[in-house]
């Protein structure tokens, strides 16, 4: 079974990830979608795109480089196959 990426939602239904994605250009959003698809589809995702944050118990980072920008999405595993992204910058 492959991994599944979801976006955290607050009790009021707010999604910080959706809000961040809405600030991106269409080309930037396409690159983010491509990288998130890699995270879901590949058994071993290259560390330039997905890696455990050093000195943390279980905080993971999805990194998307587009042009001179690097977007970072932070999240955690819920079980072994579900990646919950909670913050982006």
PDB file of N, CA and C in Angstrom:
ATOM      1  N   UNK A   1       0.837  -1.191   0.000  1.00  0.00           N
ATOM      2  CA  UNK A   1       0.000   0.000   0.000  1.00  0.00           C
ATOM      3  C   UNK A   1       0.877   1.248   0.000  1.00  0.00           C
ATOM      4  N   UNK A   2       0.512   2.196  -0.821  1.00  0.00           N
ATOM      5  CA  UNK A   2       1.268   3.434  -0.917  1.00  0.00           C
ATOM      6  C   UNK A   2       0.873   4.392   0.191  1.00  0.00           C
ATOM      7  N   UNK A   3       1.666   5.457   0.339  1.00  0.00           N
ATOM      8  CA  UNK A   3       1.345   6.477   1.332  1.00  0.00           C
ATOM      9  C   UNK A   3       0.218   7.368   0.813  1.00  0.00           C
ATOM     10  N   UNK A   4      -0.485   7.984   1.728  1.00  0.00           N
ATOM     11  CA  UNK A   4      -1.514   8.949   1.378  1.00  0.00           C
ATOM     12  C   UNK A   4      -1.208  10.240   2.116  1.00  0.00           C
ATOM     13  N   UNK A   5      -1.239  11.367   1.388  1.00  0.00           N
ATOM     14  CA  UNK A   5      -0.983  12.680   1.981  1.00  0.00           C
ATOM     15  C   UNK A   5      -2.322  13.388   2.158  1.00  0.00           C
ATOM     16  N   UNK A   6      -2.570  13.870   3.367  1.00  0.00           N
ATOM     17  CA  UNK A   6      -3.762  14.684   3.620  1.00  0.00           C
ATOM     18  C   UNK A   6      -3.335  15.973   4.306  1.00  0.00           C
ATOM     19  N   UNK A   7      -4.227  16.961   4.298  1.00  0.00           N
ATOM     20  CA  UNK A   7      -3.946  18.241   4.934  1.00  0.00           C
ATOM     21  C   UNK A   7      -4.720  18.319   6.238  1.00  0.00           C
ATOM     22  N   UNK A   8      -4.031  18.710   7.292  1.00  0.00           N
ATOM     23  CA  UNK A   8      -4.654  18.896   8.599  1.00  0.00           C
ATOM     24  C   UNK A   8      -5.741  19.967   8.501  1.00  0.00           C
ATOM     25  N   UNK A   9      -6.841  19.744   9.204  1.00  0.00           N
ATOM     26  CA  UNK A   9      -7.917  20.733   9.307  1.00  0.00           C
ATOM     27  C   UNK A   9      -8.199  20.987  10.776  1.00  0.00           C
ATOM     28  N   UNK A  10      -8.422  22.255  11.116  1.00  0.00           N
ATOM     29  CA  UNK A  10      -8.768  22.604  12.492  1.00  0.00           C
ATOM     30  C   UNK A  10     -10.206  22.168  12.763  1.00  0.00           C
ATOM     31  N   UNK A  11     -10.632  22.264  14.010  1.00  0.00           N
ATOM     32  CA  UNK A  11     -12.004  21.937  14.372  1.00  0.00           C
ATOM     33  C   UNK A  11     -13.022  22.795  13.637  1.00  0.00           C
ATOM     34  N   UNK A  12     -12.596  23.992  13.230  1.00  0.00           N
ATOM     35  CA  UNK A  12     -13.478  24.899  12.483  1.00  0.00           C
ATOM     36  C   UNK A  12     -13.393  24.663  10.974  1.00  0.00           C
ATOM     37  N   UNK A  13     -12.582  23.666  10.561  1.00  0.00           N
ATOM     38  CA  UNK A  13     -12.477  23.329   9.143  1.00  0.00           C
ATOM     39  C   UNK A  13     -11.408  24.082   8.374  1.00  0.00           C
ATOM     40  N   UNK A  14     -10.634  24.909   9.050  1.00  0.00           N
ATOM     41  CA  UNK A  14      -9.577  25.686   8.404  1.00  0.00           C
ATOM     42  C   UNK A  14      -8.382  24.777   8.084  1.00  0.00           C
ATOM     43  N   UNK A  15      -7.777  24.968   6.905  1.00  0.00           N
ATOM     44  CA  UNK A  15      -6.600  24.196   6.515  1.00  0.00           C
ATOM     45  C   UNK A  15      -5.444  25.144   6.200  1.00  0.00           C
ATOM     46  N   UNK A  16      -4.437  25.212   7.079  1.00  0.00           N
ATOM     47  CA  UNK A  16      -3.287  26.072   6.797  1.00  0.00           C
ATOM     48  C   UNK A  16      -2.593  25.727   5.477  1.00  0.00           C
ATOM     49  N   UNK A  17      -2.593  24.464   5.099  1.00  0.00           N
ATOM     50  CA  UNK A  17      -1.952  24.062   3.840  1.00  0.00           C
ATOM     51  C   UNK A  17      -2.745  24.603   2.652  1.00  0.00           C
ATOM     52  N   UNK A  18      -4.069  24.425   2.658  1.00  0.00           N
ATOM     53  CA  UNK A  18      -4.894  24.974   1.571  1.00  0.00           C
ATOM     54  C   UNK A  18      -4.707  26.483   1.464  1.00  0.00           C
ATOM     55  N   UNK A  19      -4.686  27.157   2.606  1.00  0.00           N
ATOM     56  CA  UNK A  19      -4.520  28.610   2.602  1.00  0.00           C
ATOM     57  C   UNK A  19      -3.175  28.995   1.990  1.00  0.00           C
ATOM     58  N   UNK A  20      -2.112  28.250   2.308  1.00  0.00           N
ATOM     59  CA  UNK A  20      -0.798  28.528   1.731  1.00  0.00           C
ATOM     60  C   UNK A  20      -0.814  28.265   0.224  1.00  0.00           C
ATOM     61  N   UNK A  21      -1.386  27.142  -0.188  1.00  0.00           N
ATOM     62  CA  UNK A  21      -1.414  26.802  -1.610  1.00  0.00           C
ATOM     63  C   UNK A  21      -2.154  27.862  -2.425  1.00  0.00           C
ATOM     64  N   UNK A  22      -3.164  28.479  -1.829  1.00  0.00           N
ATOM     65  CA  UNK A  22      -3.922  29.515  -2.532  1.00  0.00           C
ATOM     66  C   UNK A  22      -3.097  30.766  -2.809  1.00  0.00           C
ATOM     67  N   UNK A  23      -1.944  30.917  -2.140  1.00  0.00           N
ATOM     68  CA  UNK A  23      -1.086  32.086  -2.373  1.00  0.00           C
ATOM     69  C   UNK A  23      -0.079  31.838  -3.495  1.00  0.00           C
ATOM     70  N   UNK A  24       0.025  30.605  -3.974  1.00  0.00           N
ATOM     71  CA  UNK A  24       1.031  30.251  -4.986  1.00  0.00           C
ATOM     72  C   UNK A  24       0.520  30.502  -6.396  1.00  0.00           C
ATOM     73  N   UNK A  25       1.462  30.694  -7.310  1.00  0.00           N
ATOM     74  CA  UNK A  25       1.101  30.786  -8.724  1.00  0.00           C
ATOM     75  C   UNK A  25       0.699  29.394  -9.201  1.00  0.00           C
ATOM     76  N   UNK A  26       0.073  29.337 -10.343  1.00  0.00           N
ATOM     77  CA  UNK A  26      -0.358  28.047 -10.890  1.00  0.00           C
ATOM     78  C   UNK A  26       0.837  27.135 -11.141  1.00  0.00           C
ATOM     79  N   UNK A  27       1.944  27.680 -11.643  1.00  0.00           N
ATOM     80  CA  UNK A  27       3.142  26.872 -11.906  1.00  0.00           C
ATOM     81  C   UNK A  27       3.721  26.340 -10.593  1.00  0.00           C
ATOM     82  N   UNK A  28       3.759  27.178  -9.551  1.00  0.00           N
ATOM     83  CA  UNK A  28       4.266  26.738  -8.253  1.00  0.00           C
ATOM     84  C   UNK A  28       3.367  25.646  -7.672  1.00  0.00           C
ATOM     85  N   UNK A  29       2.059  25.827  -7.773  1.00  0.00           N
ATOM     86  CA  UNK A  29       1.114  24.836  -7.247  1.00  0.00           C
ATOM     87  C   UNK A  29       1.249  23.508  -7.993  1.00  0.00           C
ATOM     88  N   UNK A  30       1.518  23.557  -9.288  1.00  0.00           N
ATOM     89  CA  UNK A  30       1.715  22.323 -10.063  1.00  0.00           C
ATOM     90  C   UNK A  30       2.947  21.576  -9.567  1.00  0.00           C
ATOM     91  N   UNK A  31       4.012  22.296  -9.252  1.00  0.00           N
ATOM     92  CA  UNK A  31       5.236  21.647  -8.762  1.00  0.00           C
ATOM     93  C   UNK A  31       4.975  21.021  -7.395  1.00  0.00           C
ATOM     94  N   UNK A  32       4.236  21.728  -6.535  1.00  0.00           N
ATOM     95  CA  UNK A  32       3.885  21.175  -5.225  1.00  0.00           C
ATOM     96  C   UNK A  32       3.094  19.876  -5.415  1.00  0.00           C
ATOM     97  N   UNK A  33       2.111  19.892  -6.302  1.00  0.00           N
ATOM     98  CA  UNK A  33       1.299  18.694  -6.564  1.00  0.00           C
ATOM     99  C   UNK A  33       2.175  17.546  -7.056  1.00  0.00           C
ATOM    100  N   UNK A  34       3.144  17.845  -7.915  1.00  0.00           N
ATOM    101  CA  UNK A  34       4.043  16.823  -8.451  1.00  0.00           C
ATOM    102  C   UNK A  34       4.858  16.185  -7.321  1.00  0.00           C
ATOM    103  N   UNK A  35       5.400  17.023  -6.421  1.00  0.00           N
ATOM    104  CA  UNK A  35       6.211  16.498  -5.310  1.00  0.00           C
ATOM    105  C   UNK A  35       5.334  15.698  -4.340  1.00  0.00           C
ATOM    106  N   UNK A  36       4.135  16.193  -4.036  1.00  0.00           N
ATOM    107  CA  UNK A  36       3.249  15.439  -3.138  1.00  0.00           C
ATOM    108  C   UNK A  36       2.885  14.093  -3.750  1.00  0.00           C
ATOM    109  N   UNK A  37       2.748  14.043  -5.064  1.00  0.00           N
ATOM    110  CA  UNK A  37       2.482  12.774  -5.740  1.00  0.00           C
ATOM    111  C   UNK A  37       3.670  11.821  -5.581  1.00  0.00           C
ATOM    112  N   UNK A  38       4.898  12.347  -5.677  1.00  0.00           N
ATOM    113  CA  UNK A  38       6.082  11.512  -5.441  1.00  0.00           C
ATOM    114  C   UNK A  38       6.046  10.900  -4.045  1.00  0.00           C
ATOM    115  N   UNK A  39       5.707  11.724  -3.067  1.00  0.00           N
ATOM    116  CA  UNK A  39       5.647  11.251  -1.678  1.00  0.00           C
ATOM    117  C   UNK A  39       4.641  10.108  -1.554  1.00  0.00           C
ATOM    118  N   UNK A  40       3.517  10.249  -2.243  1.00  0.00           N
ATOM    119  CA  UNK A  40       2.489   9.202  -2.168  1.00  0.00           C
ATOM    120  C   UNK A  40       2.879   7.942  -2.928  1.00  0.00           C
ATOM    121  N   UNK A  41       3.510   8.095  -4.079  1.00  0.00           N
ATOM    122  CA  UNK A  41       3.710   6.970  -4.985  1.00  0.00           C
ATOM    123  C   UNK A  41       4.995   6.172  -4.771  1.00  0.00           C
ATOM    124  N   UNK A  42       6.060   6.830  -4.338  1.00  0.00           N
ATOM    125  CA  UNK A  42       7.345   6.142  -4.231  1.00  0.00           C
ATOM    126  C   UNK A  42       7.526   5.494  -2.861  1.00  0.00           C
ATOM    127  N   UNK A  43       8.041   4.261  -2.858  1.00  0.00           N
ATOM    128  CA  UNK A  43       8.361   3.598  -1.595  1.00  0.00           C
ATOM    129  C   UNK A  43       9.483   4.346  -0.886  1.00  0.00           C
ATOM    130  N   UNK A  44      10.497   4.733  -1.651  1.00  0.00           N
ATOM    131  CA  UNK A  44      11.620   5.492  -1.102  1.00  0.00           C
ATOM    132  C   UNK A  44      11.678   6.816  -1.843  1.00  0.00           C
ATOM    133  N   UNK A  45      11.321   7.878  -1.140  1.00  0.00           N
ATOM    134  CA  UNK A  45      11.277   9.212  -1.741  1.00  0.00           C
ATOM    135  C   UNK A  45      12.652   9.854  -1.570  1.00  0.00           C
ATOM    136  N   UNK A  46      13.234  10.421  -2.652  1.00  0.00           N
ATOM    137  CA  UNK A  46      14.534  11.089  -2.503  1.00  0.00           C
ATOM    138  C   UNK A  46      14.489  12.145  -1.392  1.00  0.00           C
ATOM    139  N   UNK A  47      15.565  12.222  -0.615  1.00  0.00           N
ATOM    140  CA  UNK A  47      15.584  13.107   0.552  1.00  0.00           C
ATOM    141  C   UNK A  47      15.504  14.583   0.167  1.00  0.00           C
ATOM    142  N   UNK A  48      15.764  14.924  -1.076  1.00  0.00           N
ATOM    143  CA  UNK A  48      15.606  16.336  -1.481  1.00  0.00           C
ATOM    144  C   UNK A  48      14.137  16.742  -1.465  1.00  0.00           C
ATOM    145  N   UNK A  49      13.224  15.767  -1.457  1.00  0.00           N
ATOM    146  CA  UNK A  49      11.790  16.045  -1.449  1.00  0.00           C
ATOM    147  C   UNK A  49      11.109  15.723  -0.122  1.00  0.00           C
ATOM    148  N   UNK A  50      11.596  14.707   0.594  1.00  0.00           N
ATOM    149  CA  UNK A  50      10.887  14.223   1.778  1.00  0.00           C
ATOM    150  C   UNK A  50      11.881  13.624   2.745  1.00  0.00           C
ATOM    151  N   UNK A  51      11.926  14.182   3.955  1.00  0.00           N
ATOM    152  CA  UNK A  51      12.839  13.623   4.947  1.00  0.00           C
ATOM    153  C   UNK A  51      12.381  13.952   6.362  1.00  0.00           C
ATOM    154  N   UNK A  52      12.840  13.117   7.286  1.00  0.00           N
ATOM    155  CA  UNK A  52      12.568  13.347   8.707  1.00  0.00           C
ATOM    156  C   UNK A  52      13.420  14.522   9.152  1.00  0.00           C
ATOM    157  N   UNK A  53      12.817  15.412   9.925  1.00  0.00           N
ATOM    158  CA  UNK A  53      13.554  16.573  10.423  1.00  0.00           C
ATOM    159  C   UNK A  53      14.544  16.112  11.489  1.00  0.00           C
ATOM    160  N   UNK A  54      15.794  16.579  11.404  1.00  0.00           N
ATOM    161  CA  UNK A  54      16.787  16.179  12.406  1.00  0.00           C
ATOM    162  C   UNK A  54      16.373  16.626  13.809  1.00  0.00           C
ATOM    163  N   UNK A  55      16.746  15.839  14.784  1.00  0.00           N
ATOM    164  CA  UNK A  55      16.519  16.152  16.203  1.00  0.00           C
ATOM    165  C   UNK A  55      15.035  16.279  16.563  1.00  0.00           C
ATOM    166  N   UNK A  56      14.167  15.580  15.827  1.00  0.00           N
ATOM    167  CA  UNK A  56      12.748  15.537  16.178  1.00  0.00           C
ATOM    168  C   UNK A  56      12.350  14.081  16.322  1.00  0.00           C
ATOM    169  N   UNK A  57      11.264  13.849  17.047  1.00  0.00           N
ATOM    170  CA  UNK A  57      10.789  12.472  17.213  1.00  0.00           C
ATOM    171  C   UNK A  57      10.088  11.968  15.965  1.00  0.00           C
ATOM    172  N   UNK A  58       9.209  12.780  15.390  1.00  0.00           N
ATOM    173  CA  UNK A  58       8.470  12.296  14.227  1.00  0.00           C
ATOM    174  C   UNK A  58       7.926  13.452  13.387  1.00  0.00           C
ATOM    175  N   UNK A  59       8.745  14.471  13.164  1.00  0.00           N
ATOM    176  CA  UNK A  59       8.357  15.592  12.317  1.00  0.00           C
ATOM    177  C   UNK A  59       9.034  15.414  10.958  1.00  0.00           C
ATOM    178  N   UNK A  60       8.229  15.478   9.907  1.00  0.00           N
ATOM    179  CA  UNK A  60       8.727  15.264   8.552  1.00  0.00           C
ATOM    180  C   UNK A  60       8.555  16.534   7.743  1.00  0.00           C
ATOM    181  N   UNK A  61       9.400  16.676   6.725  1.00  0.00           N
ATOM    182  CA  UNK A  61       9.359  17.844   5.859  1.00  0.00           C
ATOM    183  C   UNK A  61       9.244  17.411   4.398  1.00  0.00           C
ATOM    184  N   UNK A  62       8.301  18.035   3.688  1.00  0.00           N
ATOM    185  CA  UNK A  62       8.238  17.926   2.234  1.00  0.00           C
ATOM    186  C   UNK A  62       8.827  19.230   1.721  1.00  0.00           C
ATOM    187  N   UNK A  63       9.815  19.134   0.849  1.00  0.00           N
ATOM    188  CA  UNK A  63      10.493  20.330   0.337  1.00  0.00           C
ATOM    189  C   UNK A  63      10.260  20.421  -1.168  1.00  0.00           C
ATOM    190  N   UNK A  64       9.811  21.596  -1.604  1.00  0.00           N
ATOM    191  CA  UNK A  64       9.525  21.821  -3.022  1.00  0.00           C
ATOM    192  C   UNK A  64      10.339  23.029  -3.483  1.00  0.00           C
ATOM    193  N   UNK A  65      11.222  22.797  -4.445  1.00  0.00           N
ATOM    194  CA  UNK A  65      12.036  23.885  -5.006  1.00  0.00           C
ATOM    195  C   UNK A  65      11.448  24.251  -6.368  1.00  0.00           C
ATOM    196  N   UNK A  66      11.112  25.514  -6.530  1.00  0.00           N
ATOM    197  CA  UNK A  66      10.628  25.996  -7.814  1.00  0.00           C
ATOM    198  C   UNK A  66      11.233  27.368  -8.065  1.00  0.00           C
ATOM    199  N   UNK A  67      12.017  27.474  -9.123  1.00  0.00           N
ATOM    200  CA  UNK A  67      12.752  28.708  -9.365  1.00  0.00           C
ATOM    201  C   UNK A  67      13.698  28.972  -8.207  1.00  0.00           C
ATOM    202  N   UNK A  68      13.679  30.189  -7.690  1.00  0.00           N
ATOM    203  CA  UNK A  68      14.557  30.528  -6.562  1.00  0.00           C
ATOM    204  C   UNK A  68      13.856  30.317  -5.221  1.00  0.00           C
ATOM    205  N   UNK A  69      12.648  29.763  -5.237  1.00  0.00           N
ATOM    206  CA  UNK A  69      11.879  29.542  -4.011  1.00  0.00           C
ATOM    207  C   UNK A  69      12.008  28.106  -3.530  1.00  0.00           C
ATOM    208  N   UNK A  70      11.984  27.949  -2.223  1.00  0.00           N
ATOM    209  CA  UNK A  70      11.867  26.617  -1.617  1.00  0.00           C
ATOM    210  C   UNK A  70      10.680  26.686  -0.660  1.00  0.00           C
ATOM    211  N   UNK A  71       9.689  25.851  -0.932  1.00  0.00           N
ATOM    212  CA  UNK A  71       8.510  25.782  -0.069  1.00  0.00           C
ATOM    213  C   UNK A  71       8.667  24.559   0.816  1.00  0.00           C
ATOM    214  N   UNK A  72       8.318  24.720   2.077  1.00  0.00           N
ATOM    215  CA  UNK A  72       8.446  23.617   3.038  1.00  0.00           C
ATOM    216  C   UNK A  72       7.088  23.333   3.660  1.00  0.00           C
ATOM    217  N   UNK A  73       6.771  22.054   3.718  1.00  0.00           N
ATOM    218  CA  UNK A  73       5.518  21.581   4.304  1.00  0.00           C
ATOM    219  C   UNK A  73       5.890  20.639   5.434  1.00  0.00           C
ATOM    220  N   UNK A  74       5.401  20.919   6.619  1.00  0.00           N
ATOM    221  CA  UNK A  74       5.738  20.103   7.781  1.00  0.00           C
ATOM    222  C   UNK A  74       4.548  19.236   8.168  1.00  0.00           C
ATOM    223  N   UNK A  75       4.859  18.031   8.606  1.00  0.00           N
ATOM    224  CA  UNK A  75       3.786  17.138   8.999  1.00  0.00           C
ATOM    225  C   UNK A  75       4.316  15.931   9.745  1.00  0.00           C
ATOM    226  N   UNK A  76       3.447  14.941   9.859  1.00  0.00           N
ATOM    227  CA  UNK A  76       3.761  13.757  10.644  1.00  0.00           C
ATOM    228  C   UNK A  76       3.019  12.563  10.062  1.00  0.00           C
ATOM    229  N   UNK A  77       3.449  11.379  10.457  1.00  0.00           N
ATOM    230  CA  UNK A  77       2.759  10.151  10.056  1.00  0.00           C
ATOM    231  C   UNK A  77       1.670   9.839  11.071  1.00  0.00           C
ATOM    232  N   UNK A  78       0.525   9.429  10.579  1.00  0.00           N
ATOM    233  CA  UNK A  78      -0.540   8.872  11.409  1.00  0.00           C
ATOM    234  C   UNK A  78      -0.635   7.418  10.963  1.00  0.00           C
ATOM    235  N   UNK A  79      -0.029   6.527  11.714  1.00  0.00           N
ATOM    236  CA  UNK A  79       0.128   5.151  11.261  1.00  0.00           C
ATOM    237  C   UNK A  79       1.372   5.083  10.384  1.00  0.00           C
ATOM    238  N   UNK A  80       1.425   4.100   9.504  1.00  0.00           N
ATOM    239  CA  UNK A  80       2.618   3.948   8.664  1.00  0.00           C
ATOM    240  C   UNK A  80       2.442   4.485   7.257  1.00  0.00           C
ATOM    241  N   UNK A  81       1.209   4.734   6.843  1.00  0.00           N
ATOM    242  CA  UNK A  81       0.977   5.104   5.451  1.00  0.00           C
ATOM    243  C   UNK A  81       0.306   6.455   5.249  1.00  0.00           C
ATOM    244  N   UNK A  82      -0.128   7.127   6.317  1.00  0.00           N
ATOM    245  CA  UNK A  82      -0.852   8.387   6.190  1.00  0.00           C
ATOM    246  C   UNK A  82       0.040   9.533   6.638  1.00  0.00           C
ATOM    247  N   UNK A  83       0.321  10.461   5.717  1.00  0.00           N
ATOM    248  CA  UNK A  83       1.127  11.633   6.030  1.00  0.00           C
ATOM    249  C   UNK A  83       0.191  12.815   6.188  1.00  0.00           C
ATOM    250  N   UNK A  84       0.205  13.435   7.359  1.00  0.00           N
ATOM    251  CA  UNK A  84      -0.670  14.584   7.649  1.00  0.00           C
ATOM    252  C   UNK A  84       0.197  15.838   7.625  1.00  0.00           C
ATOM    253  N   UNK A  85      -0.041  16.712   6.647  1.00  0.00           N
ATOM    254  CA  UNK A  85       0.721  17.964   6.562  1.00  0.00           C
ATOM    255  C   UNK A  85      -0.053  19.038   7.320  1.00  0.00           C
ATOM    256  N   UNK A  86       0.661  19.769   8.183  1.00  0.00           N
ATOM    257  CA  UNK A  86      -0.022  20.720   9.052  1.00  0.00           C
ATOM    258  C   UNK A  86       0.390  22.172   8.854  1.00  0.00           C
ATOM    259  N   UNK A  87       1.609  22.420   8.377  1.00  0.00           N
ATOM    260  CA  UNK A  87       2.104  23.797   8.219  1.00  0.00           C
ATOM    261  C   UNK A  87       2.906  23.921   6.925  1.00  0.00           C
ATOM    262  N   UNK A  88       2.935  25.138   6.391  1.00  0.00           N
ATOM    263  CA  UNK A  88       3.718  25.412   5.192  1.00  0.00           C
ATOM    264  C   UNK A  88       4.288  26.813   5.274  1.00  0.00           C
ATOM    265  N   UNK A  89       5.452  26.976   4.681  1.00  0.00           N
ATOM    266  CA  UNK A  89       6.054  28.311   4.577  1.00  0.00           C
ATOM    267  C   UNK A  89       7.014  28.339   3.415  1.00  0.00           C
TER     268      UNK A  89
END
